Amino acid sequence: MSDGADHHNAGGRLLPWASPEGRPCYLVGDGTGYVSRLADEIENVQLGMAGELLGHACELLTERRVTSVELHYLARRLTESLRDVKRIAESRGGRLVRSPAHDPGGN
């Protein structure tokens, strides 16, 4: 696992967490190890939480008397969730590009 900038050259997987300094973390491997499975589990939890938060947001926004404090809290949680989902999409998209099944040469 690394948090360096040469992940693209190494073909590393963007992980769903950052280093203590806030930099992205990457994993180089075949995708079958413990850290890959842990990353998959965390991504699934994050996606589930995003779905639940979206449902909560829809309910809250149908209310007539929502306070600015409630809206601010909702916006913060939605921002965090969107950041997580964006990271998951980037990670999975990066793996699709490198996947032999998606070889543009058809080989």
PDB file of N, CA and C in Angstrom:
ATOM      1  N   MET A   1       0.851  -1.164   0.000  1.00  0.00           N
ATOM      2  CA  MET A   1       0.000   0.000   0.000  1.00  0.00           C
ATOM      3  C   MET A   1       0.896   1.226   0.000  1.00  0.00           C
ATOM      4  N   SER A   2       0.517   2.224  -0.768  1.00  0.00           N
ATOM      5  CA  SER A   2       1.294   3.459  -0.797  1.00  0.00           C
ATOM      6  C   SER A   2       0.357   4.634  -0.897  1.00  0.00           C
ATOM      7  N   ASP A   3       0.895   5.815  -0.689  1.00  0.00           N
ATOM      8  CA  ASP A   3       0.094   7.021  -0.893  1.00  0.00           C
ATOM      9  C   ASP A   3       0.841   7.976  -1.814  1.00  0.00           C
ATOM     10  N   GLY A   4       1.638   7.415  -2.688  1.00  0.00           N
ATOM     11  CA  GLY A   4       2.446   8.205  -3.611  1.00  0.00           C
ATOM     12  C   GLY A   4       1.681   8.628  -4.839  1.00  0.00           C
ATOM     13  N   ALA A   5       2.361   9.410  -5.678  1.00  0.00           N
ATOM     14  CA  ALA A   5       1.724   9.943  -6.877  1.00  0.00           C
ATOM     15  C   ALA A   5       1.909   9.046  -8.084  1.00  0.00           C
ATOM     16  N   ASP A   6       2.740   8.003  -7.998  1.00  0.00           N
ATOM     17  CA  ASP A   6       2.972   7.190  -9.187  1.00  0.00           C
ATOM     18  C   ASP A   6       2.034   6.006  -9.281  1.00  0.00           C
ATOM     19  N   HIS A   7       0.826   6.120  -8.724  1.00  0.00           N
ATOM     20  CA  HIS A   7      -0.127   5.024  -8.774  1.00  0.00           C
ATOM     21  C   HIS A   7      -0.550   4.688 -10.187  1.00  0.00           C
ATOM     22  N   HIS A   8      -0.616   5.676 -11.046  1.00  0.00           N
ATOM     23  CA  HIS A   8      -1.067   5.416 -12.416  1.00  0.00           C
ATOM     24  C   HIS A   8      -0.061   4.537 -13.143  1.00  0.00           C
ATOM     25  N   ASN A   9       1.205   4.772 -12.948  1.00  0.00           N
ATOM     26  CA  ASN A   9       2.222   3.953 -13.583  1.00  0.00           C
ATOM     27  C   ASN A   9       2.234   2.544 -13.014  1.00  0.00           C
ATOM     28  N   ALA A  10       1.967   2.420 -11.730  1.00  0.00           N
ATOM     29  CA  ALA A  10       2.006   1.121 -11.084  1.00  0.00           C
ATOM     30  C   ALA A  10       0.690   0.357 -11.245  1.00  0.00           C
ATOM     31  N   GLY A  11      -0.353   1.026 -11.705  1.00  0.00           N
ATOM     32  CA  GLY A  11      -1.639   0.368 -11.852  1.00  0.00           C
ATOM     33  C   GLY A  11      -2.309   0.085 -10.525  1.00  0.00           C
ATOM     34  N   GLY A  12      -2.100   0.942  -9.533  1.00  0.00           N
ATOM     35  CA  GLY A  12      -2.639   0.721  -8.202  1.00  0.00           C
ATOM     36  C   GLY A  12      -4.116   1.028  -8.105  1.00  0.00           C
ATOM     37  N   ARG A  13      -4.748   0.387  -7.135  1.00  0.00           N
ATOM     38  CA  ARG A  13      -6.161   0.604  -6.838  1.00  0.00           C
ATOM     39  C   ARG A  13      -6.283   1.750  -5.842  1.00  0.00           C
ATOM     40  N   LEU A  14      -7.113   2.723  -6.170  1.00  0.00           N
ATOM     41  CA  LEU A  14      -7.414   3.801  -5.236  1.00  0.00           C
ATOM     42  C   LEU A  14      -8.269   3.215  -4.119  1.00  0.00           C
ATOM     43  N   LEU A  15      -7.804   3.342  -2.897  1.00  0.00           N
ATOM     44  CA  LEU A  15      -8.509   2.779  -1.748  1.00  0.00           C
ATOM     45  C   LEU A  15      -9.526   3.780  -1.196  1.00  0.00           C
ATOM     46  N   PRO A  16     -10.544   3.279  -0.482  1.00  0.00           N
ATOM     47  CA  PRO A  16     -11.599   4.171   0.007  1.00  0.00           C
ATOM     48  C   PRO A  16     -11.245   4.921   1.284  1.00  0.00           C
ATOM     49  N   TRP A  17      -9.970   5.091   1.537  1.00  0.00           N
ATOM     50  CA  TRP A  17      -9.520   5.890   2.679  1.00  0.00           C
ATOM     51  C   TRP A  17      -8.275   6.660   2.280  1.00  0.00           C
ATOM     52  N   ALA A  18      -7.955   7.663   3.081  1.00  0.00           N
ATOM     53  CA  ALA A  18      -6.786   8.505   2.814  1.00  0.00           C
ATOM     54  C   ALA A  18      -5.723   8.248   3.883  1.00  0.00           C
ATOM     55  N   SER A  19      -4.521   8.705   3.595  1.00  0.00           N
ATOM     56  CA  SER A  19      -3.436   8.608   4.570  1.00  0.00           C
ATOM     57  C   SER A  19      -3.713   9.589   5.710  1.00  0.00           C
ATOM     58  N   PRO A  20      -2.986   9.495   6.822  1.00  0.00           N
ATOM     59  CA  PRO A  20      -3.168  10.453   7.916  1.00  0.00           C
ATOM     60  C   PRO A  20      -2.953  11.900   7.467  1.00  0.00           C
ATOM     61  N   GLU A  21      -2.171  12.099   6.407  1.00  0.00           N
ATOM     62  CA  GLU A  21      -1.934  13.448   5.887  1.00  0.00           C
ATOM     63  C   GLU A  21      -3.020  13.881   4.913  1.00  0.00           C
ATOM     64  N   GLY A  22      -3.998  13.000   4.649  1.00  0.00           N
ATOM     65  CA  GLY A  22      -5.090  13.341   3.742  1.00  0.00           C
ATOM     66  C   GLY A  22      -4.827  13.003   2.282  1.00  0.00           C
ATOM     67  N   ARG A  23      -3.709  12.340   2.006  1.00  0.00           N
ATOM     68  CA  ARG A  23      -3.399  11.974   0.621  1.00  0.00           C
ATOM     69  C   ARG A  23      -4.061  10.652   0.261  1.00  0.00           C
ATOM     70  N   PRO A  24      -4.364  10.454  -1.025  1.00  0.00           N
ATOM     71  CA  PRO A  24      -4.982   9.193  -1.433  1.00  0.00           C
ATOM     72  C   PRO A  24      -4.043   8.012  -1.192  1.00  0.00           C
ATOM     73  N   CYS A  25      -4.624   6.861  -0.889  1.00  0.00           N
ATOM     74  CA  CYS A  25      -3.859   5.630  -0.700  1.00  0.00           C
ATOM     75  C   CYS A  25      -4.156   4.683  -1.854  1.00  0.00           C
ATOM     76  N   TYR A  26      -3.162   3.952  -2.267  1.00  0.00           N
ATOM     77  CA  TYR A  26      -3.282   3.019  -3.381  1.00  0.00           C
ATOM     78  C   TYR A  26      -2.756   1.658  -2.973  1.00  0.00           C
ATOM     79  N   LEU A  27      -3.277   0.637  -3.598  1.00  0.00           N
ATOM     80  CA  LEU A  27      -2.856  -0.732  -3.369  1.00  0.00           C
ATOM     81  C   LEU A  27      -2.457  -1.343  -4.694  1.00  0.00           C
ATOM     82  N   VAL A  28      -1.286  -1.936  -4.725  1.00  0.00           N
ATOM     83  CA  VAL A  28      -0.834  -2.644  -5.914  1.00  0.00           C
ATOM     84  C   VAL A  28      -0.926  -4.129  -5.599  1.00  0.00           C
ATOM     85  N   GLY A  29      -1.629  -4.861  -6.418  1.00  0.00           N
ATOM     86  CA  GLY A  29      -1.782  -6.297  -6.207  1.00  0.00           C
ATOM     87  C   GLY A  29      -2.779  -6.870  -7.186  1.00  0.00           C
ATOM     88  N   ASP A  30      -3.103  -8.136  -6.966  1.00  0.00           N
ATOM     89  CA  ASP A  30      -4.009  -8.810  -7.894  1.00  0.00           C
ATOM     90  C   ASP A  30      -5.471  -8.693  -7.502  1.00  0.00           C
ATOM     91  N   GLY A  31      -5.772  -7.998  -6.407  1.00  0.00           N
ATOM     92  CA  GLY A  31      -7.148  -7.778  -6.000  1.00  0.00           C
ATOM     93  C   GLY A  31      -7.766  -8.904  -5.201  1.00  0.00           C
ATOM     94  N   THR A  32      -6.951  -9.844  -4.726  1.00  0.00           N
ATOM     95  CA  THR A  32      -7.499 -10.989  -3.994  1.00  0.00           C
ATOM     96  C   THR A  32      -7.080 -11.027  -2.531  1.00  0.00           C
ATOM     97  N   GLY A  33      -6.274 -10.092  -2.091  1.00  0.00           N
ATOM     98  CA  GLY A  33      -5.751 -10.118  -0.729  1.00  0.00           C
ATOM     99  C   GLY A  33      -6.669  -9.493   0.296  1.00  0.00           C
ATOM    100  N   TYR A  34      -6.204  -9.515   1.533  1.00  0.00           N
ATOM    101  CA  TYR A  34      -6.962  -8.989   2.663  1.00  0.00           C
ATOM    102  C   TYR A  34      -7.326  -7.512   2.481  1.00  0.00           C
ATOM    103  N   VAL A  35      -6.368  -6.682   2.082  1.00  0.00           N
ATOM    104  CA  VAL A  35      -6.631  -5.241   1.958  1.00  0.00           C
ATOM    105  C   VAL A  35      -7.643  -4.986   0.846  1.00  0.00           C
ATOM    106  N   SER A  36      -7.579  -5.749  -0.237  1.00  0.00           N
ATOM    107  CA  SER A  36      -8.574  -5.602  -1.307  1.00  0.00           C
ATOM    108  C   SER A  36      -9.968  -5.960  -0.815  1.00  0.00           C
ATOM    109  N   ARG A  37     -10.072  -7.041  -0.059  1.00  0.00           N
ATOM    110  CA  ARG A  37     -11.380  -7.448   0.482  1.00  0.00           C
ATOM    111  C   ARG A  37     -11.894  -6.410   1.480  1.00  0.00           C
ATOM    112  N   LEU A  38     -11.002  -5.879   2.315  1.00  0.00           N
ATOM    113  CA  LEU A  38     -11.394  -4.841   3.258  1.00  0.00           C
ATOM    114  C   LEU A  38     -11.890  -3.591   2.513  1.00  0.00           C
ATOM    115  N   ALA A  39     -11.177  -3.209   1.467  1.00  0.00           N
ATOM    116  CA  ALA A  39     -11.580  -2.048   0.664  1.00  0.00           C
ATOM    117  C   ALA A  39     -12.955  -2.284   0.035  1.00  0.00           C
ATOM    118  N   ASP A  40     -13.189  -3.496  -0.473  1.00  0.00           N
ATOM    119  CA  ASP A  40     -14.500  -3.828  -1.052  1.00  0.00           C
ATOM    120  C   ASP A  40     -15.599  -3.688  -0.009  1.00  0.00           C
ATOM    121  N   GLU A  41     -15.348  -4.187   1.199  1.00  0.00           N
ATOM    122  CA  GLU A  41     -16.335  -4.102   2.276  1.00  0.00           C
ATOM    123  C   GLU A  41     -16.617  -2.649   2.648  1.00  0.00           C
ATOM    124  N   ILE A  42     -15.569  -1.854   2.762  1.00  0.00           N
ATOM    125  CA  ILE A  42     -15.752  -0.442   3.121  1.00  0.00           C
ATOM    126  C   ILE A  42     -16.515   0.295   2.028  1.00  0.00           C
ATOM    127  N   GLU A  43     -16.189   0.014   0.764  1.00  0.00           N
ATOM    128  CA  GLU A  43     -16.927   0.635  -0.337  1.00  0.00           C
ATOM    129  C   GLU A  43     -18.404   0.266  -0.280  1.00  0.00           C
ATOM    130  N   ASN A  44     -18.702  -0.999   0.009  1.00  0.00           N
ATOM    131  CA  ASN A  44     -20.104  -1.427   0.099  1.00  0.00           C
ATOM    132  C   ASN A  44     -20.831  -0.714   1.229  1.00  0.00           C
ATOM    133  N   VAL A  45     -20.168  -0.544   2.369  1.00  0.00           N
ATOM    134  CA  VAL A  45     -20.758   0.193   3.483  1.00  0.00           C
ATOM    135  C   VAL A  45     -20.996   1.649   3.078  1.00  0.00           C
ATOM    136  N   GLN A  46     -20.010   2.268   2.437  1.00  0.00           N
ATOM    137  CA  GLN A  46     -20.145   3.663   2.023  1.00  0.00           C
ATOM    138  C   GLN A  46     -21.291   3.840   1.032  1.00  0.00           C
ATOM    139  N   LEU A  47     -21.425   2.920   0.079  1.00  0.00           N
ATOM    140  CA  LEU A  47     -22.520   3.008  -0.889  1.00  0.00           C
ATOM    141  C   LEU A  47     -23.871   2.809  -0.214  1.00  0.00           C
ATOM    142  N   GLY A  48     -23.939   1.878   0.736  1.00  0.00           N
ATOM    143  CA  GLY A  48     -25.181   1.679   1.478  1.00  0.00           C
ATOM    144  C   GLY A  48     -25.560   2.908   2.283  1.00  0.00           C
ATOM    145  N   MET A  49     -24.573   3.504   2.925  1.00  0.00           N
ATOM    146  CA  MET A  49     -24.820   4.721   3.701  1.00  0.00           C
ATOM    147  C   MET A  49     -25.265   5.859   2.791  1.00  0.00           C
ATOM    148  N   ALA A  50     -24.700   5.940   1.606  1.00  0.00           N
ATOM    149  CA  ALA A  50     -25.095   6.984   0.656  1.00  0.00           C
ATOM    150  C   ALA A  50     -26.560   6.816   0.266  1.00  0.00           C
ATOM    151  N   GLY A  51     -26.979   5.584   0.032  1.00  0.00           N
ATOM    152  CA  GLY A  51     -28.378   5.329  -0.299  1.00  0.00           C
ATOM    153  C   GLY A  51     -29.318   5.712   0.830  1.00  0.00           C
ATOM    154  N   GLU A  52     -28.942   5.353   2.044  1.00  0.00           N
ATOM    155  CA  GLU A  52     -29.755   5.709   3.209  1.00  0.00           C
ATOM    156  C   GLU A  52     -29.809   7.226   3.394  1.00  0.00           C
ATOM    157  N   LEU A  53     -28.688   7.892   3.219  1.00  0.00           N
ATOM    158  CA  LEU A  53     -28.641   9.342   3.371  1.00  0.00           C
ATOM    159  C   LEU A  53     -29.494  10.024   2.309  1.00  0.00           C
ATOM    160  N   LEU A  54     -29.461   9.508   1.106  1.00  0.00           N
ATOM    161  CA  LEU A  54     -30.277  10.071   0.033  1.00  0.00           C
ATOM    162  C   LEU A  54     -31.763   9.945   0.379  1.00  0.00           C
ATOM    163  N   GLY A  55     -32.153   8.790   0.903  1.00  0.00           N
ATOM    164  CA  GLY A  55     -33.540   8.611   1.325  1.00  0.00           C
ATOM    165  C   GLY A  55     -33.921   9.582   2.430  1.00  0.00           C
ATOM    166  N   HIS A  56     -33.022   9.752   3.396  1.00  0.00           N
ATOM    167  CA  HIS A  56     -33.268  10.704   4.488  1.00  0.00           C
ATOM    168  C   HIS A  56     -33.385  12.126   3.935  1.00  0.00           C
ATOM    169  N   ALA A  57     -32.515  12.471   2.996  1.00  0.00           N
ATOM    170  CA  ALA A  57     -32.552  13.817   2.407  1.00  0.00           C
ATOM    171  C   ALA A  57     -33.879  14.060   1.705  1.00  0.00           C
ATOM    172  N   CYS A  58     -34.352  13.072   0.964  1.00  0.00           N
ATOM    173  CA  CYS A  58     -35.637  13.224   0.267  1.00  0.00           C
ATOM    174  C   CYS A  58     -36.771  13.456   1.263  1.00  0.00           C
ATOM    175  N   GLU A  59     -36.770  12.693   2.355  1.00  0.00           N
ATOM    176  CA  GLU A  59     -37.803  12.870   3.380  1.00  0.00           C
ATOM    177  C   GLU A  59     -37.705  14.245   4.028  1.00  0.00           C
ATOM    178  N   LEU A  60     -36.501  14.635   4.399  1.00  0.00           N
ATOM    179  CA  LEU A  60     -36.316  15.914   5.077  1.00  0.00           C
ATOM    180  C   LEU A  60     -36.730  17.081   4.181  1.00  0.00           C
ATOM    181  N   LEU A  61     -36.418  16.986   2.910  1.00  0.00           N
ATOM    182  CA  LEU A  61     -36.716  18.091   2.004  1.00  0.00           C
ATOM    183  C   LEU A  61     -38.201  18.209   1.663  1.00  0.00           C
ATOM    184  N   THR A  62     -39.000  17.199   1.984  1.00  0.00           N
ATOM    185  CA  THR A  62     -40.450  17.313   1.792  1.00  0.00           C
ATOM    186  C   THR A  62     -41.112  18.026   2.962  1.00  0.00           C
ATOM    187  N   GLU A  63     -40.380  18.172   4.068  1.00  0.00           N
ATOM    188  CA  GLU A  63     -40.911  18.872   5.246  1.00  0.00           C
ATOM    189  C   GLU A  63     -41.027  20.364   4.959  1.00  0.00           C
ATOM    190  N   ARG A  64     -42.041  20.947   5.508  1.00  0.00           N
ATOM    191  CA  ARG A  64     -42.245  22.386   5.342  1.00  0.00           C
ATOM    192  C   ARG A  64     -41.395  23.191   6.321  1.00  0.00           C
ATOM    193  N   ARG A  65     -41.137  22.636   7.502  1.00  0.00           N
ATOM    194  CA  ARG A  65     -40.438  23.401   8.535  1.00  0.00           C
ATOM    195  C   ARG A  65     -39.069  22.796   8.830  1.00  0.00           C
ATOM    196  N   VAL A  66     -38.176  22.924   7.892  1.00  0.00           N
ATOM    197  CA  VAL A  66     -36.801  22.462   8.072  1.00  0.00           C
ATOM    198  C   VAL A  66     -35.967  23.679   8.461  1.00  0.00           C
ATOM    199  N   THR A  67     -35.176  23.528   9.504  1.00  0.00           N
ATOM    200  CA  THR A  67     -34.366  24.657   9.969  1.00  0.00           C
ATOM    201  C   THR A  67     -33.086  24.762   9.142  1.00  0.00           C
ATOM    202  N   SER A  68     -32.474  25.896   9.208  1.00  0.00           N
ATOM    203  CA  SER A  68     -31.203  26.090   8.509  1.00  0.00           C
ATOM    204  C   SER A  68     -30.125  25.187   9.101  1.00  0.00           C
ATOM    205  N   VAL A  69     -30.202  24.923  10.399  1.00  0.00           N
ATOM    206  CA  VAL A  69     -29.243  24.025  11.046  1.00  0.00           C
ATOM    207  C   VAL A  69     -29.395  22.614  10.472  1.00  0.00           C
ATOM    208  N   GLU A  70     -30.630  22.158  10.317  1.00  0.00           N
ATOM    209  CA  GLU A  70     -30.871  20.832   9.740  1.00  0.00           C
ATOM    210  C   GLU A  70     -30.382  20.758   8.298  1.00  0.00           C
ATOM    211  N   LEU A  71     -30.650  21.793   7.530  1.00  0.00           N
ATOM    212  CA  LEU A  71     -30.199  21.818   6.132  1.00  0.00           C
ATOM    213  C   LEU A  71     -28.679  21.844   6.045  1.00  0.00           C
ATOM    214  N   HIS A  72     -28.051  22.596   6.915  1.00  0.00           N
ATOM    215  CA  HIS A  72     -26.588  22.658   6.929  1.00  0.00           C
ATOM    216  C   HIS A  72     -26.003  21.296   7.268  1.00  0.00           C
ATOM    217  N   TYR A  73     -26.559  20.649   8.266  1.00  0.00           N
ATOM    218  CA  TYR A  73     -26.097  19.310   8.656  1.00  0.00           C
ATOM    219  C   TYR A  73     -26.273  18.329   7.494  1.00  0.00           C
ATOM    220  N   LEU A  74     -27.438  18.381   6.851  1.00  0.00           N
ATOM    221  CA  LEU A  74     -27.705  17.512   5.709  1.00  0.00           C
ATOM    222  C   LEU A  74     -26.709  17.778   4.581  1.00  0.00           C
ATOM    223  N   ALA A  75     -26.459  19.032   4.282  1.00  0.00           N
ATOM    224  CA  ALA A  75     -25.504  19.371   3.216  1.00  0.00           C
ATOM    225  C   ALA A  75     -24.106  18.848   3.529  1.00  0.00           C
ATOM    226  N   ARG A  76     -23.693  18.930   4.783  1.00  0.00           N
ATOM    227  CA  ARG A  76     -22.368  18.410   5.171  1.00  0.00           C
ATOM    228  C   ARG A  76     -22.296  16.904   4.983  1.00  0.00           C
ATOM    229  N   ARG A  77     -23.324  16.191   5.427  1.00  0.00           N
ATOM    230  CA  ARG A  77     -23.325  14.728   5.287  1.00  0.00           C
ATOM    231  C   ARG A  77     -23.399  14.326   3.815  1.00  0.00           C
ATOM    232  N   LEU A  78     -24.195  15.037   3.009  1.00  0.00           N
ATOM    233  CA  LEU A  78     -24.283  14.740   1.579  1.00  0.00           C
ATOM    234  C   LEU A  78     -22.944  14.995   0.888  1.00  0.00           C
ATOM    235  N   THR A  79     -22.249  16.047   1.296  1.00  0.00           N
ATOM    236  CA  THR A  79     -20.939  16.356   0.728  1.00  0.00           C
ATOM    237  C   THR A  79     -19.945  15.243   1.047  1.00  0.00           C
ATOM    238  N   GLU A  80     -19.933  14.791   2.290  1.00  0.00           N
ATOM    239  CA  GLU A  80     -19.040  13.693   2.677  1.00  0.00           C
ATOM    240  C   GLU A  80     -19.358  12.430   1.886  1.00  0.00           C
ATOM    241  N   SER A  81     -20.636  12.142   1.764  1.00  0.00           N
ATOM    242  CA  SER A  81     -21.057  10.940   1.052  1.00  0.00           C
ATOM    243  C   SER A  81     -20.712  11.027  -0.431  1.00  0.00           C
ATOM    244  N   LEU A  82     -20.934  12.179  -1.023  1.00  0.00           N
ATOM    245  CA  LEU A  82     -20.603  12.359  -2.436  1.00  0.00           C
ATOM    246  C   LEU A  82     -19.102  12.201  -2.664  1.00  0.00           C
ATOM    247  N   ARG A  83     -18.297  12.696  -1.746  1.00  0.00           N
ATOM    248  CA  ARG A  83     -16.841  12.542  -1.838  1.00  0.00           C
ATOM    249  C   ARG A  83     -16.463  11.054  -1.821  1.00  0.00           C
ATOM    250  N   ASP A  84     -17.095  10.283  -0.925  1.00  0.00           N
ATOM    251  CA  ASP A  84     -16.832   8.843  -0.851  1.00  0.00           C
ATOM    252  C   ASP A  84     -17.248   8.136  -2.141  1.00  0.00           C
ATOM    253  N   VAL A  85     -18.440   8.440  -2.625  1.00  0.00           N
ATOM    254  CA  VAL A  85     -18.945   7.782  -3.827  1.00  0.00           C
ATOM    255  C   VAL A  85     -18.095   8.162  -5.043  1.00  0.00           C
ATOM    256  N   LYS A  86     -17.639   9.393  -5.106  1.00  0.00           N
ATOM    257  CA  LYS A  86     -16.760   9.816  -6.203  1.00  0.00           C
ATOM    258  C   LYS A  86     -15.456   9.028  -6.170  1.00  0.00           C
ATOM    259  N   ARG A  87     -14.892   8.837  -4.994  1.00  0.00           N
ATOM    260  CA  ARG A  87     -13.653   8.064  -4.863  1.00  0.00           C
ATOM    261  C   ARG A  87     -13.879   6.616  -5.313  1.00  0.00           C
ATOM    262  N   ILE A  88     -15.015   6.047  -4.941  1.00  0.00           N
ATOM    263  CA  ILE A  88     -15.330   4.680  -5.358  1.00  0.00           C
ATOM    264  C   ILE A  88     -15.446   4.609  -6.881  1.00  0.00           C
ATOM    265  N   ALA A  89     -16.121   5.571  -7.467  1.00  0.00           N
ATOM    266  CA  ALA A  89     -16.274   5.586  -8.928  1.00  0.00           C
ATOM    267  C   ALA A  89     -14.921   5.726  -9.625  1.00  0.00           C
ATOM    268  N   GLU A  90     -14.062   6.595  -9.110  1.00  0.00           N
ATOM    269  CA  GLU A  90     -12.729   6.752  -9.694  1.00  0.00           C
ATOM    270  C   GLU A  90     -11.928   5.463  -9.569  1.00  0.00           C
ATOM    271  N   SER A  91     -12.008   4.818  -8.410  1.00  0.00           N
ATOM    272  CA  SER A  91     -11.278   3.580  -8.184  1.00  0.00           C
ATOM    273  C   SER A  91     -11.759   2.485  -9.130  1.00  0.00           C
ATOM    274  N   ARG A  92     -13.061   2.313  -9.211  1.00  0.00           N
ATOM    275  CA  ARG A  92     -13.614   1.258 -10.064  1.00  0.00           C
ATOM    276  C   ARG A  92     -13.410   1.578 -11.541  1.00  0.00           C
ATOM    277  N   GLY A  93     -13.527   2.840 -11.895  1.00  0.00           N
ATOM    278  CA  GLY A  93     -13.282   3.231 -13.280  1.00  0.00           C
ATOM    279  C   GLY A  93     -11.842   2.988 -13.687  1.00  0.00           C
ATOM    280  N   GLY A  94     -10.911   3.274 -12.786  1.00  0.00           N
ATOM    281  CA  GLY A  94      -9.501   3.030 -13.064  1.00  0.00           C
ATOM    282  C   GLY A  94      -9.211   1.558 -13.266  1.00  0.00           C
ATOM    283  N   ARG A  95      -9.905   0.711 -12.527  1.00  0.00           N
ATOM    284  CA  ARG A  95      -9.705  -0.731 -12.677  1.00  0.00           C
ATOM    285  C   ARG A  95     -10.329  -1.244 -13.966  1.00  0.00           C
ATOM    286  N   LEU A  96     -11.418  -0.628 -14.418  1.00  0.00           N
ATOM    287  CA  LEU A  96     -12.035  -1.031 -15.685  1.00  0.00           C
ATOM    288  C   LEU A  96     -11.103  -0.740 -16.854  1.00  0.00           C
ATOM    289  N   VAL A  97     -10.451   0.414 -16.805  1.00  0.00           N
ATOM    290  CA  VAL A  97      -9.532   0.807 -17.874  1.00  0.00           C
ATOM    291  C   VAL A  97      -8.429  -0.208 -18.036  1.00  0.00           C
ATOM    292  N   ARG A  98      -7.960  -0.768 -16.924  1.00  0.00           N
ATOM    293  CA  ARG A  98      -6.842  -1.712 -16.977  1.00  0.00           C
ATOM    294  C   ARG A  98      -7.287  -3.162 -17.160  1.00  0.00           C
ATOM    295  N   SER A  99      -8.579  -3.408 -17.105  1.00  0.00           N
ATOM    296  CA  SER A  99      -9.090  -4.766 -17.180  1.00  0.00           C
ATOM    297  C   SER A  99      -8.909  -5.355 -18.568  1.00  0.00           C
ATOM    298  N   PRO A 100      -8.395  -6.585 -18.696  1.00  0.00           N
ATOM    299  CA  PRO A 100      -8.242  -7.223 -20.008  1.00  0.00           C
ATOM    300  C   PRO A 100      -9.588  -7.397 -20.722  1.00  0.00           C
ATOM    301  N   ALA A 101     -10.668  -7.523 -19.971  1.00  0.00           N
ATOM    302  CA  ALA A 101     -11.992  -7.675 -20.584  1.00  0.00           C
ATOM    303  C   ALA A 101     -12.419  -6.415 -21.318  1.00  0.00           C
ATOM    304  N   HIS A 102     -11.794  -5.289 -20.996  1.00  0.00           N
ATOM    305  CA  HIS A 102     -12.125  -4.021 -21.635  1.00  0.00           C
ATOM    306  C   HIS A 102     -10.979  -3.542 -22.511  1.00  0.00           C
ATOM    307  N   ASP A 103     -10.243  -4.459 -23.061  1.00  0.00           N
ATOM    308  CA  ASP A 103      -9.099  -4.133 -23.929  1.00  0.00           C
ATOM    309  C   ASP A 103      -9.614  -3.553 -25.239  1.00  0.00           C
ATOM    310  N   PRO A 104      -9.288  -2.284 -25.554  1.00  0.00           N
ATOM    311  CA  PRO A 104      -9.794  -1.668 -26.767  1.00  0.00           C
ATOM    312  C   PRO A 104      -9.291  -2.376 -28.030  1.00  0.00           C
ATOM    313  N   GLY A 105      -8.212  -3.111 -27.927  1.00  0.00           N
ATOM    314  CA  GLY A 105      -7.691  -3.833 -29.082  1.00  0.00           C
ATOM    315  C   GLY A 105      -8.429  -5.131 -29.340  1.00  0.00           C
ATOM    316  N   GLY A 106      -9.311  -5.514 -28.397  1.00  0.00           N
ATOM    317  CA  GLY A 106     -10.098  -6.702 -28.579  1.00  0.00           C
ATOM    318  C   GLY A 106      -9.330  -7.976 -28.315  1.00  0.00           C
ATOM    319  N   ASN A 107      -8.165  -7.907 -27.726  1.00  0.00           N
ATOM    320  CA  ASN A 107      -7.360  -9.100 -27.451  1.00  0.00           C
ATOM    321  C   ASN A 107      -7.604  -9.629 -26.068  1.00  0.00           C
TER     322      ASN A 107
END
